[in-house]
Amino acid sequence: MEKEKLTFVLLFVIFVLTELVDDFFDHVLGNSIIHSILQLFLFLGLFFTAYKIFIGYHKKQISKLISEELLEILKTVKHSEEKGILINQIKITKLLKITKPTIKKRVGNLLELKYITFETKGNNKYLKLTPTGNSILR
């Protein structure tokens, strides 16, 4: 929470400084293209700073909403996808050392949240991250 307060104070200071710089350029340059470009860059800087703060806060809230057990399954699926390995529920039960009913329930929760999907190849069903599930792990 302290980090967020510090960031907001810093954002306010940046805003005040941009207003002072803007006032300075109003007097020195008048209304010119250079002045307009500087205003645009100051605005974009503030916008991207606020966006970064929002995204960081949003990710914190999402990670609080999902349990560690479900997060561990998502990480396992992502790790296997990065290696180019297809993974199914049986492999996850062995890797994470959990029972079949437990993995079935947790995978059901992840499917309901649309964090994973099943990909069928032959007679086997493999787990695959959705873009939503992938965004949680970033």
C-alpha atoms as a PDB file:
ATOM      1  CA  MET A   1       0.000   0.000   0.000  1.00  0.00           C
ATOM      2  CA  GLU A   2       2.905   2.368   0.750  1.00  0.00           C
ATOM      3  CA  LYS A   3       4.262   1.890  -2.758  1.00  0.00           C
ATOM      4  CA  GLU A   4       0.910   2.882  -4.249  1.00  0.00           C
ATOM      5  CA  LYS A   5       0.728   6.011  -2.086  1.00  0.00           C
ATOM      6  CA  LEU A   6       4.236   6.974  -3.113  1.00  0.00           C
ATOM      7  CA  THR A   7       3.369   6.421  -6.766  1.00  0.00           C
ATOM      8  CA  PHE A   8       0.284   8.616  -6.539  1.00  0.00           C
ATOM      9  CA  VAL A   9       2.238  11.386  -4.803  1.00  0.00           C
ATOM     10  CA  LEU A  10       4.870  11.120  -7.517  1.00  0.00           C
ATOM     11  CA  LEU A  11       2.156  11.283 -10.175  1.00  0.00           C
ATOM     12  CA  PHE A  12       0.741  14.431  -8.567  1.00  0.00           C
ATOM     13  CA  VAL A  13       4.203  16.036  -8.491  1.00  0.00           C
ATOM     14  CA  ILE A  14       4.671  15.158 -12.164  1.00  0.00           C
ATOM     15  CA  PHE A  15       1.302  16.726 -12.928  1.00  0.00           C
ATOM     16  CA  VAL A  16       2.226  19.956 -11.108  1.00  0.00           C
ATOM     17  CA  LEU A  17       5.594  20.074 -12.863  1.00  0.00           C
ATOM     18  CA  THR A  18       3.963  19.575 -16.246  1.00  0.00           C
ATOM     19  CA  GLU A  19       1.613  22.459 -15.530  1.00  0.00           C
ATOM     20  CA  LEU A  20       4.559  24.669 -14.586  1.00  0.00           C
ATOM     21  CA  VAL A  21       6.475  23.628 -17.698  1.00  0.00           C
ATOM     22  CA  ASP A  22       3.351  24.183 -19.772  1.00  0.00           C
ATOM     23  CA  ASP A  23       2.954  27.695 -18.319  1.00  0.00           C
ATOM     24  CA  PHE A  24       6.625  28.399 -19.042  1.00  0.00           C
ATOM     25  CA  PHE A  25       6.254  27.283 -22.659  1.00  0.00           C
ATOM     26  CA  ASP A  26       3.081  29.371 -23.019  1.00  0.00           C
ATOM     27  CA  HIS A  27       5.077  32.492 -22.154  1.00  0.00           C
ATOM     28  CA  VAL A  28       8.239  31.605 -24.067  1.00  0.00           C
ATOM     29  CA  LEU A  29       6.896  29.928 -27.196  1.00  0.00           C
ATOM     30  CA  GLY A  30       3.328  31.100 -27.368  1.00  0.00           C
ATOM     31  CA  ASN A  31       0.986  28.886 -29.314  1.00  0.00           C
ATOM     32  CA  SER A  32       3.275  26.952 -31.598  1.00  0.00           C
ATOM     33  CA  ILE A  33       3.656  23.450 -32.957  1.00  0.00           C
ATOM     34  CA  ILE A  34       6.584  22.801 -30.593  1.00  0.00           C
ATOM     35  CA  HIS A  35       4.411  23.797 -27.647  1.00  0.00           C
ATOM     36  CA  SER A  36       1.618  21.488 -28.820  1.00  0.00           C
ATOM     37  CA  ILE A  37       4.043  18.587 -29.296  1.00  0.00           C
ATOM     38  CA  LEU A  38       5.494  19.103 -25.810  1.00  0.00           C
ATOM     39  CA  GLN A  39       1.997  19.140 -24.337  1.00  0.00           C
ATOM     40  CA  LEU A  40       1.203  15.906 -26.168  1.00  0.00           C
ATOM     41  CA  PHE A  41       4.330  14.181 -24.806  1.00  0.00           C
ATOM     42  CA  LEU A  42       3.597  15.371 -21.265  1.00  0.00           C
ATOM     43  CA  PHE A  43       0.052  14.061 -21.530  1.00  0.00           C
ATOM     44  CA  LEU A  44       1.217  10.716 -22.940  1.00  0.00           C
ATOM     45  CA  GLY A  45       3.759  10.385 -20.130  1.00  0.00           C
ATOM     46  CA  LEU A  46       1.083  10.940 -17.510  1.00  0.00           C
ATOM     47  CA  PHE A  47      -1.325   8.603 -19.286  1.00  0.00           C
ATOM     48  CA  PHE A  48       1.165   5.718 -19.510  1.00  0.00           C
ATOM     49  CA  THR A  49       2.218   6.199 -15.881  1.00  0.00           C
ATOM     50  CA  ALA A  50      -1.400   6.013 -14.740  1.00  0.00           C
ATOM     51  CA  TYR A  51      -2.004   3.014 -17.035  1.00  0.00           C
ATOM     52  CA  LYS A  52       0.985   1.158 -15.574  1.00  0.00           C
ATOM     53  CA  ILE A  53      -0.250   1.805 -12.030  1.00  0.00           C
ATOM     54  CA  PHE A  54      -3.748   0.590 -12.939  1.00  0.00           C
ATOM     55  CA  ILE A  55      -2.499  -2.587 -14.638  1.00  0.00           C
ATOM     56  CA  GLY A  56      -0.254  -3.409 -11.669  1.00  0.00           C
ATOM     57  CA  TYR A  57      -3.130  -2.931  -9.231  1.00  0.00           C
ATOM     58  CA  HIS A  58      -5.496  -4.909 -11.463  1.00  0.00           C
ATOM     59  CA  LYS A  59      -3.085  -7.867 -11.606  1.00  0.00           C
ATOM     60  CA  LYS A  60      -2.702  -7.827  -7.827  1.00  0.00           C
ATOM     61  CA  GLN A  61      -6.455  -8.000  -7.406  1.00  0.00           C
ATOM     62  CA  ILE A  62      -6.766 -10.862  -9.930  1.00  0.00           C
ATOM     63  CA  SER A  63      -4.051 -12.868  -8.223  1.00  0.00           C
ATOM     64  CA  LYS A  64      -5.913 -12.451  -4.933  1.00  0.00           C
ATOM     65  CA  LEU A  65      -9.101 -13.821  -6.496  1.00  0.00           C
ATOM     66  CA  ILE A  66      -7.552 -17.088  -7.663  1.00  0.00           C
ATOM     67  CA  SER A  67      -6.323 -19.651  -5.169  1.00  0.00           C
ATOM     68  CA  GLU A  68      -2.716 -20.802  -5.047  1.00  0.00           C
ATOM     69  CA  GLU A  69      -3.794 -24.318  -6.053  1.00  0.00           C
ATOM     70  CA  LEU A  70      -5.421 -23.086  -9.260  1.00  0.00           C
ATOM     71  CA  LEU A  71      -2.500 -20.775  -9.931  1.00  0.00           C
ATOM     72  CA  GLU A  72      -0.113 -23.734  -9.611  1.00  0.00           C
ATOM     73  CA  ILE A  73      -2.051 -25.633 -12.286  1.00  0.00           C
ATOM     74  CA  LEU A  74      -1.946 -22.613 -14.603  1.00  0.00           C
ATOM     75  CA  LYS A  75       1.810 -22.311 -14.087  1.00  0.00           C
ATOM     76  CA  THR A  76       2.272 -26.012 -14.848  1.00  0.00           C
ATOM     77  CA  VAL A  77       0.262 -25.756 -18.065  1.00  0.00           C
ATOM     78  CA  LYS A  78       2.172 -22.628 -19.125  1.00  0.00           C
ATOM     79  CA  HIS A  79       5.519 -24.273 -18.373  1.00  0.00           C
ATOM     80  CA  SER A  80       4.601 -27.296 -20.497  1.00  0.00           C
ATOM     81  CA  GLU A  81       3.402 -25.058 -23.349  1.00  0.00           C
ATOM     82  CA  GLU A  82       6.682 -23.130 -23.263  1.00  0.00           C
ATOM     83  CA  LYS A  83       8.551 -26.428 -23.624  1.00  0.00           C
ATOM     84  CA  GLY A  84       6.215 -27.509 -26.427  1.00  0.00           C
ATOM     85  CA  ILE A  85       4.869 -30.439 -24.412  1.00  0.00           C
ATOM     86  CA  LEU A  86       1.197 -31.340 -24.348  1.00  0.00           C
ATOM     87  CA  ILE A  87      -0.057 -31.927 -20.816  1.00  0.00           C
ATOM     88  CA  ASN A  88      -3.181 -33.670 -19.600  1.00  0.00           C
ATOM     89  CA  GLN A  89      -4.824 -34.087 -16.218  1.00  0.00           C
ATOM     90  CA  ILE A  90      -2.990 -37.351 -15.480  1.00  0.00           C
ATOM     91  CA  LYS A  91       0.421 -35.697 -15.942  1.00  0.00           C
ATOM     92  CA  ILE A  92      -0.605 -32.785 -13.719  1.00  0.00           C
ATOM     93  CA  THR A  93      -1.759 -35.145 -10.949  1.00  0.00           C
ATOM     94  CA  LYS A  94       1.687 -36.783 -11.011  1.00  0.00           C
ATOM     95  CA  LEU A  95       3.612 -33.493 -11.206  1.00  0.00           C
ATOM     96  CA  LEU A  96       1.682 -31.735  -8.453  1.00  0.00           C
ATOM     97  CA  LYS A  97       1.029 -34.888  -6.412  1.00  0.00           C
ATOM     98  CA  ILE A  98      -2.703 -34.411  -6.065  1.00  0.00           C
ATOM     99  CA  THR A  99      -5.575 -36.852  -6.457  1.00  0.00           C
ATOM    100  CA  LYS A 100      -7.680 -37.351  -9.586  1.00  0.00           C
ATOM    101  CA  PRO A 101     -10.903 -36.021  -8.013  1.00  0.00           C
ATOM    102  CA  THR A 102      -9.047 -32.921  -6.800  1.00  0.00           C
ATOM    103  CA  ILE A 103      -7.514 -32.198 -10.208  1.00  0.00           C
ATOM    104  CA  LYS A 104     -10.880 -32.762 -11.883  1.00  0.00           C
ATOM    105  CA  LYS A 105     -12.517 -30.218  -9.562  1.00  0.00           C
ATOM    106  CA  ARG A 106      -9.739 -27.652  -9.986  1.00  0.00           C
ATOM    107  CA  VAL A 107      -9.616 -28.047 -13.758  1.00  0.00           C
ATOM    108  CA  GLY A 108     -13.407 -27.645 -13.770  1.00  0.00           C
ATOM    109  CA  ASN A 109     -13.003 -24.361 -11.897  1.00  0.00           C
ATOM    110  CA  LEU A 110     -10.374 -23.163 -14.380  1.00  0.00           C
ATOM    111  CA  LEU A 111     -12.601 -24.145 -17.310  1.00  0.00           C
ATOM    112  CA  GLU A 112     -15.502 -22.266 -15.738  1.00  0.00           C
ATOM    113  CA  LEU A 113     -13.320 -19.173 -15.350  1.00  0.00           C
ATOM    114  CA  LYS A 114     -12.216 -19.615 -18.992  1.00  0.00           C
ATOM    115  CA  TYR A 115      -8.529 -19.703 -17.990  1.00  0.00           C
ATOM    116  CA  ILE A 116      -7.933 -23.017 -19.765  1.00  0.00           C
ATOM    117  CA  THR A 117      -9.526 -25.074 -22.502  1.00  0.00           C
ATOM    118  CA  PHE A 118      -9.230 -28.632 -23.691  1.00  0.00           C
ATOM    119  CA  GLU A 119      -7.511 -29.468 -26.943  1.00  0.00           C
ATOM    120  CA  THR A 120      -8.369 -32.909 -28.298  1.00  0.00           C
ATOM    121  CA  LYS A 121      -5.744 -34.855 -30.239  1.00  0.00           C
ATOM    122  CA  GLY A 122      -6.743 -38.396 -31.075  1.00  0.00           C
ATOM    123  CA  ASN A 123      -8.322 -39.963 -28.012  1.00  0.00           C
ATOM    124  CA  ASN A 124      -6.554 -37.636 -25.573  1.00  0.00           C
ATOM    125  CA  LYS A 125      -7.609 -34.283 -24.122  1.00  0.00           C
ATOM    126  CA  TYR A 126      -4.826 -31.840 -23.328  1.00  0.00           C
ATOM    127  CA  LEU A 127      -4.992 -28.650 -21.303  1.00  0.00           C
ATOM    128  CA  LYS A 128      -4.253 -25.371 -23.014  1.00  0.00           C
ATOM    129  CA  LEU A 129      -4.142 -21.837 -21.605  1.00  0.00           C
ATOM    130  CA  THR A 130      -6.575 -19.275 -22.955  1.00  0.00           C
ATOM    131  CA  PRO A 131      -5.453 -15.671 -23.476  1.00  0.00           C
ATOM    132  CA  THR A 132      -7.229 -14.809 -20.213  1.00  0.00           C
ATOM    133  CA  GLY A 133      -5.383 -17.528 -18.325  1.00  0.00           C
ATOM    134  CA  ASN A 134      -2.115 -16.465 -19.902  1.00  0.00           C
ATOM    135  CA  SER A 135      -2.654 -12.831 -18.874  1.00  0.00           C
ATOM    136  CA  ILE A 136      -2.972 -13.839 -15.226  1.00  0.00           C
ATOM    137  CA  LEU A 137       0.503 -15.344 -15.251  1.00  0.00           C
ATOM    138  CA  ARG A 138       2.229 -12.297 -16.710  1.00  0.00           C
END
